[in-house]
Amino acid sequence: MTDIYFIRHGQASFGERNYDQLSERGRDQAFLLADYLIDMEAYFPVVFSGSKRRQMETATPIVSRLKENDVGTRLLIFPGLDEFDISPLLHHCREDMLQGDPSLAGDLKHCFSDFRCFQRTFTKVMLWSLSQKITDPNIESFYQFKHRVRTAVETIVNESRAYKKVAAVTSGGVLALLMQMNQGLSDRQAIDHVWSFYNTSVTIFYAAEGVMELKLKNSVTHLNGPSRQDLLTYV
């Protein structure tokens, strides 16, 4: 019987040369979350993290604060928690999608510098992939992503049975699929759900004997207060 705290990474560096790192605001979010978890006595003997830099930079302050409070904790890097990488799929389908909808050209031109363009492009590419059979082994399809996440969650649940609480630092796409598995969302609803999770939000599932029960979703209590409103971000 374990509470699994699924944590979305802090704000990354969208629009920068290297997106996969926390922005200054993202680092503030991560440290505030780490302090809050200690205040709430959320002592994790294990913290799982995806292998992306933005995920590990969010997990590291949590682990550091736990060790400062004499909690023997381990950070385990778990690539199954990584976000879906849209770039290979976008490169694969770009020309086909433009032939079907030339109006996409504007969004495609700016999708890595304008978040709204990226959001629209991501959604359309993912929806396109649902109706395609992708055989290139270097391209992860939406269905392969679903299988990867399900396998990762099952492994985390199995490896956490001896603990009361563990944490898993991941990304919005993974959290959306968790909601799909738990609430029976359609693929379209799951894809739309990617954009609903705040940076460093906490979503807690209670796992026991093959059952996962949602206890808390998308909580950002650590960012409450008028002076922290600029820390409520989605990117």
Protein backbone atom coordinates (compact mmCIF):
# COMPACT_ATOMS: atom_id res chain seq x y z
CA MET A 1 0.00 0.00 0.00
CA THR A 2 1.91 2.99 -1.32
CA ASP A 3 1.23 6.63 -2.07
CA ILE A 4 3.01 7.53 -5.30
CA TYR A 5 3.60 11.26 -5.73
CA PHE A 6 3.81 11.94 -9.47
CA ILE A 7 5.48 15.34 -9.91
CA ARG A 8 5.66 17.32 -13.11
CA HIS A 9 9.02 18.97 -13.75
CA GLY A 10 9.55 22.69 -13.21
CA GLN A 11 9.34 25.24 -15.99
CA ALA A 12 11.78 24.36 -18.74
CA SER A 13 13.54 26.75 -21.13
CA PHE A 14 11.09 26.89 -24.02
CA GLY A 15 12.37 28.98 -26.92
CA GLU A 16 16.00 28.69 -25.81
CA ARG A 17 18.69 26.75 -27.66
CA ASN A 18 18.47 24.04 -24.99
CA TYR A 19 14.86 23.57 -23.93
CA ASP A 20 15.71 20.62 -21.69
CA GLN A 21 16.83 22.52 -18.60
CA LEU A 22 14.98 24.41 -15.92
CA SER A 23 14.54 28.14 -16.32
CA GLU A 24 15.27 30.39 -13.34
CA ARG A 25 11.56 30.28 -12.54
CA GLY A 26 11.60 26.50 -12.86
CA ARG A 27 14.41 26.26 -10.33
CA ASP A 28 12.45 28.45 -7.92
CA GLN A 29 9.44 26.16 -8.34
CA ALA A 30 11.54 23.06 -7.68
CA PHE A 31 13.10 24.43 -4.48
CA LEU A 32 9.74 25.62 -3.16
CA LEU A 33 8.30 22.18 -3.82
CA ALA A 34 11.21 20.49 -2.05
CA ASP A 35 10.74 22.68 1.04
CA TYR A 36 6.99 22.08 1.02
CA LEU A 37 7.39 18.30 0.85
CA ILE A 38 9.72 18.38 3.85
CA ASP A 39 7.26 20.57 5.77
CA MET A 40 4.55 18.00 5.00
CA GLU A 41 6.85 15.17 6.12
CA ALA A 42 6.61 13.52 2.73
CA TYR A 43 9.68 11.39 3.30
CA PHE A 44 10.51 9.33 0.23
CA PRO A 45 13.02 6.48 0.51
CA VAL A 46 13.03 6.39 -3.30
CA VAL A 47 12.65 9.20 -5.82
CA PHE A 48 12.22 8.01 -9.41
CA SER A 49 12.99 10.47 -12.18
CA GLY A 50 12.87 10.47 -15.93
CA SER A 51 16.22 10.88 -17.65
CA LYS A 52 15.53 14.32 -19.10
CA ARG A 53 17.60 17.11 -17.58
CA ARG A 54 14.53 19.17 -16.63
CA GLN A 55 13.16 16.19 -14.72
CA MET A 56 16.41 15.43 -12.91
CA GLU A 57 16.90 19.11 -12.02
CA THR A 58 13.46 19.00 -10.41
CA ALA A 59 14.18 15.78 -8.53
CA THR A 60 17.61 16.83 -7.23
CA PRO A 61 16.42 19.51 -4.72
CA ILE A 62 13.88 17.04 -3.32
CA VAL A 63 16.57 14.42 -2.75
CA SER A 64 18.95 17.01 -1.28
CA ARG A 65 16.36 18.28 1.19
CA LEU A 66 15.51 14.73 2.23
CA LYS A 67 19.17 13.95 2.91
CA GLU A 68 19.53 17.18 4.88
CA ASN A 69 16.73 15.85 7.09
CA ASP A 70 18.47 12.49 7.56
CA VAL A 71 16.11 10.60 5.26
CA GLY A 72 17.99 7.81 3.55
CA THR A 73 16.76 8.28 0.01
CA ARG A 74 17.82 7.05 -3.41
CA LEU A 75 17.41 8.79 -6.76
CA LEU A 76 16.67 6.26 -9.48
CA ILE A 77 16.78 7.39 -13.11
CA PHE A 78 13.90 5.82 -14.98
CA PRO A 79 13.69 6.63 -18.74
CA GLY A 80 10.17 5.21 -18.87
CA LEU A 81 9.06 8.47 -17.23
CA ASP A 82 10.47 10.60 -20.06
CA GLU A 83 8.20 12.87 -22.07
CA PHE A 84 7.14 11.93 -25.59
CA ASP A 85 9.69 13.30 -28.08
CA ILE A 86 7.66 14.81 -30.89
CA SER A 87 10.63 15.78 -33.11
CA PRO A 88 11.17 12.42 -34.92
CA LEU A 89 7.43 11.98 -35.52
CA LEU A 90 7.07 15.58 -36.73
CA HIS A 91 9.97 15.14 -39.16
CA HIS A 92 8.34 11.92 -40.42
CA CYS A 93 4.87 13.32 -41.03
CA ARG A 94 5.58 16.98 -41.86
CA GLU A 95 5.15 16.80 -45.64
CA ASP A 96 2.10 14.54 -45.50
CA MET A 97 0.41 16.87 -43.03
CA LEU A 98 1.21 19.97 -45.08
CA GLN A 99 -0.27 18.38 -48.18
CA GLY A 100 -3.46 17.67 -46.27
CA ASP A 101 -3.56 21.07 -44.54
CA PRO A 102 -1.31 23.83 -45.98
CA SER A 103 -2.44 26.18 -43.20
CA LEU A 104 -0.13 24.27 -40.86
CA ALA A 105 2.89 25.99 -42.40
CA GLY A 106 2.70 29.00 -40.06
CA ASP A 107 2.55 26.91 -36.90
CA LEU A 108 5.32 24.62 -38.11
CA LYS A 109 7.57 27.60 -38.79
CA HIS A 110 7.23 28.92 -35.24
CA CYS A 111 6.45 25.80 -33.20
CA PHE A 112 9.76 25.82 -31.31
CA SER A 113 9.66 29.51 -30.47
CA ASP A 114 5.95 30.19 -29.86
CA PHE A 115 4.26 27.95 -27.31
CA ARG A 116 0.75 28.29 -28.80
CA CYS A 117 2.12 27.20 -32.17
CA PHE A 118 3.87 24.29 -30.51
CA GLN A 119 0.72 23.28 -28.65
CA ARG A 120 -1.37 23.25 -31.84
CA THR A 121 1.35 21.41 -33.76
CA PHE A 122 1.84 18.80 -31.04
CA THR A 123 -1.89 18.08 -30.85
CA LYS A 124 -2.30 17.77 -34.63
CA VAL A 125 0.76 15.55 -35.02
CA MET A 126 -0.37 13.26 -32.21
CA LEU A 127 -3.88 13.00 -33.66
CA TRP A 128 -2.42 12.30 -37.10
CA SER A 129 -0.34 9.47 -35.66
CA LEU A 130 -3.43 7.72 -34.27
CA SER A 131 -4.54 6.77 -37.76
CA GLN A 132 -1.11 5.78 -39.08
CA LYS A 133 0.96 2.63 -38.92
CA ILE A 134 4.50 3.77 -38.13
CA THR A 135 7.13 1.10 -38.78
CA ASP A 136 10.32 3.13 -38.39
CA PRO A 137 12.01 1.77 -35.21
CA ASN A 138 13.53 5.20 -34.54
CA ILE A 139 10.12 6.85 -34.17
CA GLU A 140 8.00 6.35 -31.08
CA SER A 141 4.31 6.33 -31.92
CA PHE A 142 1.57 7.44 -29.57
CA TYR A 143 0.65 3.80 -28.97
CA GLN A 144 4.25 2.89 -28.16
CA PHE A 145 4.36 5.85 -25.79
CA LYS A 146 1.24 4.52 -24.05
CA HIS A 147 2.83 1.08 -23.70
CA ARG A 148 6.07 2.59 -22.36
CA VAL A 149 4.25 4.62 -19.73
CA ARG A 150 2.05 1.72 -18.65
CA THR A 151 5.11 -0.52 -18.28
CA ALA A 152 6.98 2.18 -16.33
CA VAL A 153 4.09 2.74 -13.93
CA GLU A 154 3.63 -0.98 -13.34
CA THR A 155 7.35 -1.31 -12.59
CA ILE A 156 7.31 1.63 -10.17
CA VAL A 157 4.29 0.21 -8.37
CA ASN A 158 5.98 -3.19 -8.04
CA GLU A 159 9.27 -1.70 -6.83
CA SER A 160 7.51 0.53 -4.28
CA ARG A 161 5.46 -2.04 -2.40
CA ALA A 162 7.71 -1.94 0.66
CA TYR A 163 7.33 1.83 1.10
CA LYS A 164 4.56 4.10 2.34
CA LYS A 165 5.49 6.92 -0.03
CA VAL A 166 7.64 7.34 -3.12
CA ALA A 167 7.99 10.15 -5.65
CA ALA A 168 8.22 10.00 -9.44
CA VAL A 169 9.30 13.11 -11.36
CA THR A 170 7.97 13.12 -14.89
CA SER A 171 6.25 15.27 -17.54
CA GLY A 172 2.80 16.35 -18.70
CA GLY A 173 2.38 13.66 -21.33
CA VAL A 174 3.03 10.89 -18.84
CA LEU A 175 0.59 12.44 -16.38
CA ALA A 176 -2.05 12.67 -19.10
CA LEU A 177 -1.68 8.96 -19.80
CA LEU A 178 -1.97 8.22 -16.10
CA MET A 179 -5.31 10.02 -16.16
CA GLN A 180 -6.32 8.02 -19.21
CA MET A 181 -5.49 4.72 -17.50
CA ASN A 182 -7.27 5.75 -14.32
CA GLN A 183 -10.32 7.51 -15.72
CA GLY A 184 -10.91 5.81 -19.06
CA LEU A 185 -10.20 8.87 -21.20
CA SER A 186 -10.18 8.53 -24.97
CA ASP A 187 -6.92 9.04 -26.84
CA ARG A 188 -8.11 12.50 -27.95
CA GLN A 189 -9.01 13.44 -24.37
CA ALA A 190 -5.63 12.22 -23.15
CA ILE A 191 -3.79 14.29 -25.77
CA ASP A 192 -5.79 17.39 -24.80
CA HIS A 193 -5.06 16.65 -21.13
CA VAL A 194 -1.30 17.08 -21.64
CA TRP A 195 -1.66 20.84 -21.28
CA SER A 196 -3.55 20.83 -17.99
CA PHE A 197 -0.74 20.14 -15.52
CA TYR A 198 1.11 22.95 -13.77
CA ASN A 199 4.88 22.87 -13.51
CA THR A 200 5.92 21.10 -10.27
CA SER A 201 2.31 20.05 -9.65
CA VAL A 202 1.76 17.01 -7.43
CA THR A 203 -0.62 14.20 -8.38
CA ILE A 204 -0.94 11.38 -5.86
CA PHE A 205 -2.11 7.84 -6.52
CA TYR A 206 -2.68 5.20 -3.86
CA ALA A 207 -1.44 1.87 -5.17
CA ALA A 208 -2.37 -1.48 -3.64
CA GLU A 209 -2.90 -4.98 -5.01
CA GLY A 210 -3.22 -4.02 -8.65
CA VAL A 211 -5.43 -0.99 -7.97
CA MET A 212 -4.45 2.65 -8.40
CA GLU A 213 -6.75 5.19 -6.78
CA LEU A 214 -6.43 8.91 -7.47
CA LYS A 215 -6.10 10.89 -4.23
CA LEU A 216 -4.92 14.30 -5.41
CA LYS A 217 -4.54 15.86 -8.86
CA ASN A 218 -2.44 18.76 -10.12
CA SER A 219 -1.85 20.33 -6.70
CA VAL A 220 0.36 23.42 -6.47
CA THR A 221 -0.19 24.30 -2.81
CA HIS A 222 3.52 25.16 -2.56
CA LEU A 223 2.93 27.98 -5.07
CA ASN A 224 -0.09 29.49 -3.33
CA GLY A 225 -0.09 33.15 -2.35
CA PRO A 226 -0.19 36.51 -4.15
CA SER A 227 3.60 36.79 -4.28
CA ARG A 228 3.89 33.48 -6.14
CA GLN A 229 1.30 33.93 -8.87
CA ASP A 230 4.00 34.34 -11.51
CA LEU A 231 5.24 30.86 -10.62
CA LEU A 232 2.03 29.21 -11.87
CA THR A 233 3.18 28.04 -15.30
CA TYR A 234 2.42 25.22 -17.73
CA VAL A 235 5.37 25.25 -20.15
